[in-house]
């Protein structure tokens, strides 16, 4: 998600529109959202909920996420996506053509649907990433 790969090696990272200092979990949540991925759009989703949870747990394990971080992960993912949609709308209303195009293309709708998906599966995701290794 937002990386260029050569085989399994990351050779480039892009799309820094909202880059800024933030708490660790803010970045972890958005990374897991994109890499699990917890997406509903047919072009972006990959696998079923169980597979998404397995990838999220693998990420949490590899990254050393604490129990508290795992317990808060779904809430932070939804907050992060809500902030992104708010930012997109703000930039579009400020006449930023890129964000106007994003809204016209419905990118924000995909994020809003993903928020609903995360809320719907909050308990299953949280329990899945809390399982003992």
N, C-alpha and C. Protein backbone atom coordinates (compact mmCIF):
# COMPACT_ATOMS: atom_id res chain seq x y z
N UNK A 1 0.84 -1.17 0.00
CA UNK A 1 0.00 0.00 0.00
C UNK A 1 0.89 1.24 0.00
N UNK A 2 0.86 1.97 -1.08
CA UNK A 2 1.66 3.19 -1.25
C UNK A 2 3.16 2.93 -1.22
N UNK A 3 3.56 1.75 -1.71
CA UNK A 3 4.97 1.45 -1.85
C UNK A 3 5.22 0.84 -3.22
N UNK A 4 6.44 1.01 -3.69
CA UNK A 4 6.88 0.33 -4.91
C UNK A 4 7.78 -0.82 -4.46
N UNK A 5 7.55 -1.99 -5.04
CA UNK A 5 8.31 -3.17 -4.67
C UNK A 5 9.15 -3.67 -5.83
N UNK A 6 10.30 -4.21 -5.50
CA UNK A 6 11.11 -4.97 -6.44
C UNK A 6 11.21 -6.35 -5.81
N UNK A 7 10.36 -7.27 -6.26
CA UNK A 7 10.23 -8.55 -5.58
C UNK A 7 9.55 -8.31 -4.24
N UNK A 8 10.23 -8.66 -3.16
CA UNK A 8 9.69 -8.42 -1.83
C UNK A 8 10.40 -7.28 -1.11
N UNK A 9 11.17 -6.50 -1.85
CA UNK A 9 11.92 -5.40 -1.26
C UNK A 9 11.25 -4.07 -1.60
N UNK A 10 11.00 -3.26 -0.57
CA UNK A 10 10.44 -1.92 -0.79
C UNK A 10 11.54 -1.04 -1.37
N UNK A 11 11.26 -0.45 -2.54
CA UNK A 11 12.25 0.41 -3.19
C UNK A 11 11.76 1.85 -3.28
N UNK A 12 10.53 2.11 -2.86
CA UNK A 12 10.00 3.47 -2.88
C UNK A 12 8.72 3.56 -2.08
N UNK A 13 8.53 4.72 -1.46
CA UNK A 13 7.32 5.00 -0.68
C UNK A 13 6.76 6.32 -1.19
N UNK A 14 5.43 6.39 -1.34
CA UNK A 14 4.83 7.61 -1.89
C UNK A 14 3.50 7.92 -1.22
N UNK A 15 2.95 9.09 -1.55
CA UNK A 15 1.66 9.57 -1.07
C UNK A 15 1.75 10.08 0.36
N UNK A 16 2.36 11.24 0.52
CA UNK A 16 2.57 11.82 1.84
C UNK A 16 1.70 13.05 2.10
N UNK A 17 0.50 13.10 1.50
CA UNK A 17 -0.37 14.26 1.66
C UNK A 17 -0.65 14.61 3.11
N UNK A 18 -0.78 13.60 3.95
CA UNK A 18 -1.15 13.86 5.34
C UNK A 18 -0.02 13.54 6.32
N UNK A 19 1.20 13.45 5.83
CA UNK A 19 2.34 13.13 6.70
C UNK A 19 2.56 14.25 7.71
N UNK A 20 2.69 13.85 8.97
CA UNK A 20 2.98 14.78 10.06
C UNK A 20 3.31 13.97 11.31
N UNK A 21 3.95 14.59 12.29
CA UNK A 21 4.23 13.85 13.53
C UNK A 21 2.91 13.37 14.15
N UNK A 22 2.92 12.15 14.62
CA UNK A 22 1.71 11.57 15.20
C UNK A 22 2.10 10.46 16.16
N UNK A 23 1.16 10.04 17.01
CA UNK A 23 1.46 8.91 17.90
C UNK A 23 1.73 7.64 17.10
N UNK A 24 2.52 6.77 17.67
CA UNK A 24 2.90 5.51 17.03
C UNK A 24 1.68 4.75 16.52
N UNK A 25 0.63 4.63 17.35
CA UNK A 25 -0.52 3.83 16.97
C UNK A 25 -1.28 4.44 15.79
N UNK A 26 -1.21 5.76 15.63
CA UNK A 26 -1.85 6.43 14.48
C UNK A 26 -1.25 5.89 13.18
N UNK A 27 0.07 5.78 13.15
CA UNK A 27 0.76 5.27 11.96
C UNK A 27 0.58 3.76 11.81
N UNK A 28 0.67 3.03 12.90
CA UNK A 28 0.49 1.58 12.86
C UNK A 28 -0.92 1.25 12.36
N UNK A 29 -1.92 1.96 12.86
CA UNK A 29 -3.31 1.70 12.48
C UNK A 29 -3.51 1.89 10.98
N UNK A 30 -2.97 2.97 10.42
CA UNK A 30 -3.15 3.22 9.00
C UNK A 30 -2.37 2.20 8.16
N UNK A 31 -1.21 1.80 8.66
CA UNK A 31 -0.43 0.78 7.95
C UNK A 31 -1.17 -0.55 7.92
N UNK A 32 -1.70 -0.96 9.06
CA UNK A 32 -2.43 -2.23 9.11
C UNK A 32 -3.68 -2.16 8.26
N UNK A 33 -4.38 -1.04 8.31
CA UNK A 33 -5.57 -0.86 7.47
C UNK A 33 -5.22 -1.13 6.00
N UNK A 34 -4.09 -0.60 5.55
CA UNK A 34 -3.71 -0.75 4.16
C UNK A 34 -3.08 -2.08 3.81
N UNK A 35 -2.43 -2.72 4.79
CA UNK A 35 -1.72 -3.96 4.49
C UNK A 35 -2.52 -5.22 4.80
N UNK A 36 -3.54 -5.13 5.65
CA UNK A 36 -4.32 -6.34 5.98
C UNK A 36 -5.07 -6.86 4.74
N UNK A 37 -5.58 -6.12 3.85
CA UNK A 37 -6.15 -4.79 4.05
C UNK A 37 -7.61 -4.90 4.49
N UNK A 38 -8.02 -3.99 5.37
CA UNK A 38 -9.41 -3.95 5.81
C UNK A 38 -10.20 -3.04 4.87
N UNK A 39 -10.30 -3.46 3.63
CA UNK A 39 -10.95 -2.65 2.60
C UNK A 39 -12.12 -3.42 2.00
N UNK A 40 -13.12 -2.67 1.58
CA UNK A 40 -14.34 -3.29 1.06
C UNK A 40 -14.50 -3.13 -0.44
N UNK A 41 -13.82 -2.17 -1.03
CA UNK A 41 -13.93 -1.96 -2.47
C UNK A 41 -13.39 -3.17 -3.21
N UNK A 42 -14.11 -3.62 -4.23
CA UNK A 42 -13.71 -4.85 -4.93
C UNK A 42 -12.32 -4.76 -5.56
N UNK A 43 -11.85 -3.56 -5.86
CA UNK A 43 -10.51 -3.40 -6.44
C UNK A 43 -9.41 -3.40 -5.39
N UNK A 44 -9.78 -3.16 -4.13
CA UNK A 44 -8.78 -3.02 -3.07
C UNK A 44 -8.79 -4.15 -2.05
N UNK A 45 -9.91 -4.83 -1.90
CA UNK A 45 -9.98 -5.86 -0.85
C UNK A 45 -9.17 -7.09 -1.26
N UNK A 46 -8.78 -7.83 -0.23
CA UNK A 46 -7.99 -9.03 -0.48
C UNK A 46 -8.34 -10.06 0.59
N UNK A 47 -8.90 -11.17 0.17
CA UNK A 47 -9.23 -12.23 1.10
C UNK A 47 -10.48 -11.93 1.92
N UNK A 48 -10.75 -12.84 2.84
CA UNK A 48 -11.92 -12.68 3.71
C UNK A 48 -11.50 -12.09 5.05
N UNK A 49 -12.47 -11.89 5.92
CA UNK A 49 -12.18 -11.27 7.21
C UNK A 49 -11.14 -12.05 8.00
N UNK A 50 -11.26 -13.35 8.03
CA UNK A 50 -10.30 -14.17 8.78
C UNK A 50 -8.88 -13.97 8.26
N UNK A 51 -8.70 -13.93 6.95
CA UNK A 51 -7.37 -13.71 6.38
C UNK A 51 -6.87 -12.30 6.69
N UNK A 52 -7.76 -11.33 6.67
CA UNK A 52 -7.38 -9.95 7.01
C UNK A 52 -6.90 -9.88 8.46
N UNK A 53 -7.64 -10.55 9.34
CA UNK A 53 -7.26 -10.57 10.75
C UNK A 53 -5.91 -11.25 10.92
N UNK A 54 -5.67 -12.34 10.21
CA UNK A 54 -4.38 -13.03 10.30
C UNK A 54 -3.24 -12.11 9.88
N UNK A 55 -3.44 -11.36 8.79
CA UNK A 55 -2.38 -10.44 8.34
C UNK A 55 -2.19 -9.30 9.35
N UNK A 56 -3.29 -8.81 9.93
CA UNK A 56 -3.19 -7.75 10.94
C UNK A 56 -2.45 -8.26 12.17
N UNK A 57 -2.74 -9.48 12.59
CA UNK A 57 -2.06 -10.06 13.75
C UNK A 57 -0.57 -10.25 13.46
N UNK A 58 -0.26 -10.73 12.27
CA UNK A 58 1.14 -10.90 11.87
C UNK A 58 1.87 -9.56 11.94
N UNK A 59 1.23 -8.51 11.44
CA UNK A 59 1.82 -7.17 11.49
C UNK A 59 2.03 -6.75 12.94
N UNK A 60 1.00 -6.91 13.77
CA UNK A 60 1.11 -6.54 15.19
C UNK A 60 2.23 -7.31 15.88
N UNK A 61 2.30 -8.61 15.62
CA UNK A 61 3.35 -9.43 16.23
C UNK A 61 4.74 -8.96 15.79
N UNK A 62 4.91 -8.76 14.49
CA UNK A 62 6.21 -8.35 13.96
C UNK A 62 6.61 -6.96 14.44
N UNK A 63 5.63 -6.10 14.62
CA UNK A 63 5.91 -4.72 15.02
C UNK A 63 6.02 -4.58 16.53
N UNK A 64 5.67 -5.64 17.25
CA UNK A 64 5.76 -5.60 18.71
C UNK A 64 4.66 -4.79 19.37
N UNK A 65 3.48 -4.82 18.81
CA UNK A 65 2.36 -4.06 19.37
C UNK A 65 1.98 -4.62 20.74
N UNK A 66 1.74 -3.72 21.66
CA UNK A 66 1.35 -4.11 23.01
C UNK A 66 -0.12 -4.54 23.05
N UNK A 67 -0.51 -5.12 24.16
CA UNK A 67 -1.92 -5.52 24.35
C UNK A 67 -2.82 -4.29 24.24
N UNK A 68 -2.42 -3.20 24.86
CA UNK A 68 -3.23 -1.98 24.82
C UNK A 68 -3.34 -1.44 23.40
N UNK A 69 -2.25 -1.46 22.65
CA UNK A 69 -2.31 -1.02 21.25
C UNK A 69 -3.26 -1.89 20.44
N UNK A 70 -3.22 -3.17 20.67
CA UNK A 70 -4.11 -4.09 19.95
C UNK A 70 -5.57 -3.85 20.34
N UNK A 71 -5.81 -3.59 21.62
CA UNK A 71 -7.18 -3.33 22.08
C UNK A 71 -7.74 -2.06 21.47
N UNK A 72 -6.89 -1.10 21.18
CA UNK A 72 -7.34 0.19 20.64
C UNK A 72 -7.23 0.30 19.12
N UNK A 73 -6.68 -0.72 18.48
CA UNK A 73 -6.36 -0.63 17.06
C UNK A 73 -7.56 -0.30 16.18
N UNK A 74 -8.67 -1.00 16.33
CA UNK A 74 -9.81 -0.77 15.44
C UNK A 74 -10.35 0.64 15.63
N UNK A 75 -10.44 1.10 16.88
CA UNK A 75 -10.91 2.47 17.12
C UNK A 75 -9.99 3.49 16.47
N UNK A 76 -8.69 3.27 16.56
CA UNK A 76 -7.74 4.21 15.96
C UNK A 76 -7.79 4.14 14.44
N UNK A 77 -7.99 2.94 13.88
CA UNK A 77 -8.15 2.85 12.42
C UNK A 77 -9.35 3.69 11.97
N UNK A 78 -10.47 3.59 12.68
CA UNK A 78 -11.66 4.35 12.27
C UNK A 78 -11.43 5.85 12.46
N UNK A 79 -10.76 6.24 13.53
CA UNK A 79 -10.44 7.66 13.73
C UNK A 79 -9.51 8.17 12.63
N UNK A 80 -8.53 7.36 12.27
CA UNK A 80 -7.56 7.75 11.23
C UNK A 80 -8.25 7.94 9.89
N UNK A 81 -9.16 7.02 9.54
CA UNK A 81 -9.88 7.13 8.27
C UNK A 81 -10.85 8.31 8.29
N UNK A 82 -11.49 8.55 9.42
CA UNK A 82 -12.39 9.71 9.54
C UNK A 82 -11.60 10.99 9.36
N UNK A 83 -10.42 11.06 9.97
CA UNK A 83 -9.57 12.25 9.81
C UNK A 83 -9.15 12.43 8.35
N UNK A 84 -8.88 11.34 7.66
CA UNK A 84 -8.50 11.42 6.25
C UNK A 84 -9.66 11.96 5.41
N UNK A 85 -10.86 11.45 5.64
CA UNK A 85 -12.03 11.94 4.89
C UNK A 85 -12.26 13.42 5.19
N UNK A 86 -12.15 13.81 6.44
CA UNK A 86 -12.31 15.22 6.81
C UNK A 86 -11.28 16.08 6.09
N UNK A 87 -10.03 15.60 6.05
CA UNK A 87 -8.96 16.33 5.38
C UNK A 87 -9.23 16.45 3.88
N UNK A 88 -9.68 15.36 3.28
CA UNK A 88 -10.01 15.38 1.84
C UNK A 88 -11.08 16.44 1.56
N UNK A 89 -12.10 16.46 2.39
CA UNK A 89 -13.19 17.43 2.21
C UNK A 89 -12.70 18.86 2.41
N UNK A 90 -11.86 19.07 3.42
CA UNK A 90 -11.30 20.40 3.67
C UNK A 90 -10.47 20.87 2.49
N UNK A 91 -9.61 20.01 2.00
CA UNK A 91 -8.75 20.40 0.88
C UNK A 91 -9.57 20.63 -0.39
N UNK A 92 -10.59 19.82 -0.61
CA UNK A 92 -11.46 20.02 -1.78
C UNK A 92 -12.21 21.34 -1.68
N UNK A 93 -12.67 21.67 -0.47
CA UNK A 93 -13.38 22.94 -0.29
C UNK A 93 -12.44 24.14 -0.41
N UNK A 94 -11.14 23.90 -0.25
CA UNK A 94 -10.12 24.94 -0.43
C UNK A 94 -9.65 25.00 -1.88
N UNK A 95 -10.37 24.32 -2.74
CA UNK A 95 -10.14 24.31 -4.19
C UNK A 95 -8.87 23.58 -4.63
N UNK A 96 -8.46 22.61 -3.83
CA UNK A 96 -7.35 21.77 -4.25
C UNK A 96 -7.91 20.78 -5.27
N UNK A 97 -7.45 20.89 -6.50
CA UNK A 97 -8.02 20.10 -7.59
C UNK A 97 -7.82 18.60 -7.41
N UNK A 98 -6.71 18.21 -6.81
CA UNK A 98 -6.47 16.78 -6.59
C UNK A 98 -7.54 16.19 -5.66
N UNK A 99 -7.83 16.92 -4.60
CA UNK A 99 -8.82 16.41 -3.65
C UNK A 99 -10.24 16.56 -4.18
N UNK A 100 -10.48 17.58 -4.98
CA UNK A 100 -11.78 17.69 -5.64
C UNK A 100 -12.01 16.47 -6.54
N UNK A 101 -10.97 16.09 -7.26
CA UNK A 101 -11.06 14.92 -8.13
C UNK A 101 -11.27 13.64 -7.31
N UNK A 102 -10.56 13.53 -6.17
CA UNK A 102 -10.74 12.36 -5.31
C UNK A 102 -12.19 12.23 -4.85
N UNK A 103 -12.80 13.36 -4.47
CA UNK A 103 -14.19 13.31 -4.02
C UNK A 103 -15.12 12.99 -5.19
N UNK A 104 -14.86 13.59 -6.34
CA UNK A 104 -15.69 13.31 -7.51
C UNK A 104 -15.62 11.83 -7.90
N UNK A 105 -14.47 11.21 -7.68
CA UNK A 105 -14.27 9.80 -8.00
C UNK A 105 -14.78 8.87 -6.90
N UNK A 106 -15.21 9.44 -5.77
CA UNK A 106 -15.79 8.65 -4.69
C UNK A 106 -14.81 8.00 -3.74
N UNK A 107 -13.58 8.48 -3.70
CA UNK A 107 -12.59 7.88 -2.80
C UNK A 107 -13.07 7.93 -1.35
N UNK A 108 -13.68 9.04 -0.97
CA UNK A 108 -14.15 9.19 0.40
C UNK A 108 -15.23 8.17 0.74
N UNK A 109 -16.04 7.82 -0.24
CA UNK A 109 -17.11 6.84 -0.01
C UNK A 109 -16.49 5.48 0.33
N UNK A 110 -15.43 5.13 -0.36
CA UNK A 110 -14.74 3.87 -0.06
C UNK A 110 -14.23 3.87 1.38
N UNK A 111 -13.63 4.98 1.82
CA UNK A 111 -13.14 5.06 3.19
C UNK A 111 -14.29 4.97 4.19
N UNK A 112 -15.41 5.63 3.90
CA UNK A 112 -16.56 5.58 4.80
C UNK A 112 -17.12 4.16 4.89
N UNK A 113 -17.14 3.45 3.78
CA UNK A 113 -17.58 2.05 3.79
C UNK A 113 -16.61 1.18 4.59
N UNK A 114 -15.33 1.48 4.49
CA UNK A 114 -14.34 0.73 5.26
C UNK A 114 -14.50 1.00 6.76
N UNK A 115 -14.84 2.23 7.12
CA UNK A 115 -15.11 2.55 8.53
C UNK A 115 -16.27 1.70 9.03
N UNK A 116 -17.34 1.62 8.25
CA UNK A 116 -18.49 0.79 8.64
C UNK A 116 -18.08 -0.67 8.80
N UNK A 117 -17.26 -1.16 7.88
CA UNK A 117 -16.77 -2.54 7.92
C UNK A 117 -15.97 -2.79 9.21
N UNK A 118 -15.09 -1.87 9.54
CA UNK A 118 -14.29 -2.00 10.76
C UNK A 118 -15.17 -2.00 12.00
N UNK A 119 -16.15 -1.11 12.02
CA UNK A 119 -17.07 -1.07 13.17
C UNK A 119 -17.88 -2.35 13.28
N UNK A 120 -18.34 -2.85 12.15
CA UNK A 120 -19.14 -4.07 12.12
C UNK A 120 -18.35 -5.27 12.66
N UNK A 121 -17.06 -5.30 12.37
CA UNK A 121 -16.22 -6.44 12.74
C UNK A 121 -15.24 -6.12 13.87
N UNK A 122 -15.51 -5.06 14.60
CA UNK A 122 -14.62 -4.58 15.67
C UNK A 122 -14.23 -5.71 16.62
N UNK A 123 -15.22 -6.42 17.15
CA UNK A 123 -14.94 -7.45 18.14
C UNK A 123 -14.11 -8.59 17.55
N UNK A 124 -14.47 -9.07 16.38
CA UNK A 124 -13.74 -10.18 15.77
C UNK A 124 -12.29 -9.79 15.48
N UNK A 125 -12.09 -8.58 14.98
CA UNK A 125 -10.72 -8.12 14.69
C UNK A 125 -9.92 -8.03 15.97
N UNK A 126 -10.49 -7.39 16.98
CA UNK A 126 -9.78 -7.21 18.24
C UNK A 126 -9.43 -8.54 18.88
N UNK A 127 -10.39 -9.44 18.96
CA UNK A 127 -10.12 -10.76 19.54
C UNK A 127 -9.06 -11.52 18.74
N UNK A 128 -9.12 -11.40 17.42
CA UNK A 128 -8.16 -12.09 16.56
C UNK A 128 -6.73 -11.61 16.73
N UNK A 129 -6.55 -10.31 16.88
CA UNK A 129 -5.18 -9.79 17.02
C UNK A 129 -4.66 -9.91 18.45
N UNK A 130 -5.57 -10.21 19.39
CA UNK A 130 -5.15 -10.41 20.78
C UNK A 130 -4.77 -11.86 21.08
N UNK A 131 -5.09 -12.78 20.18
CA UNK A 131 -4.79 -14.20 20.42
C UNK A 131 -3.31 -14.39 20.72
N UNK A 132 -3.05 -15.33 21.59
CA UNK A 132 -1.65 -15.66 21.91
C UNK A 132 -0.94 -16.15 20.67
N UNK A 133 0.32 -15.85 20.60
CA UNK A 133 1.14 -16.20 19.43
C UNK A 133 1.31 -17.66 19.42
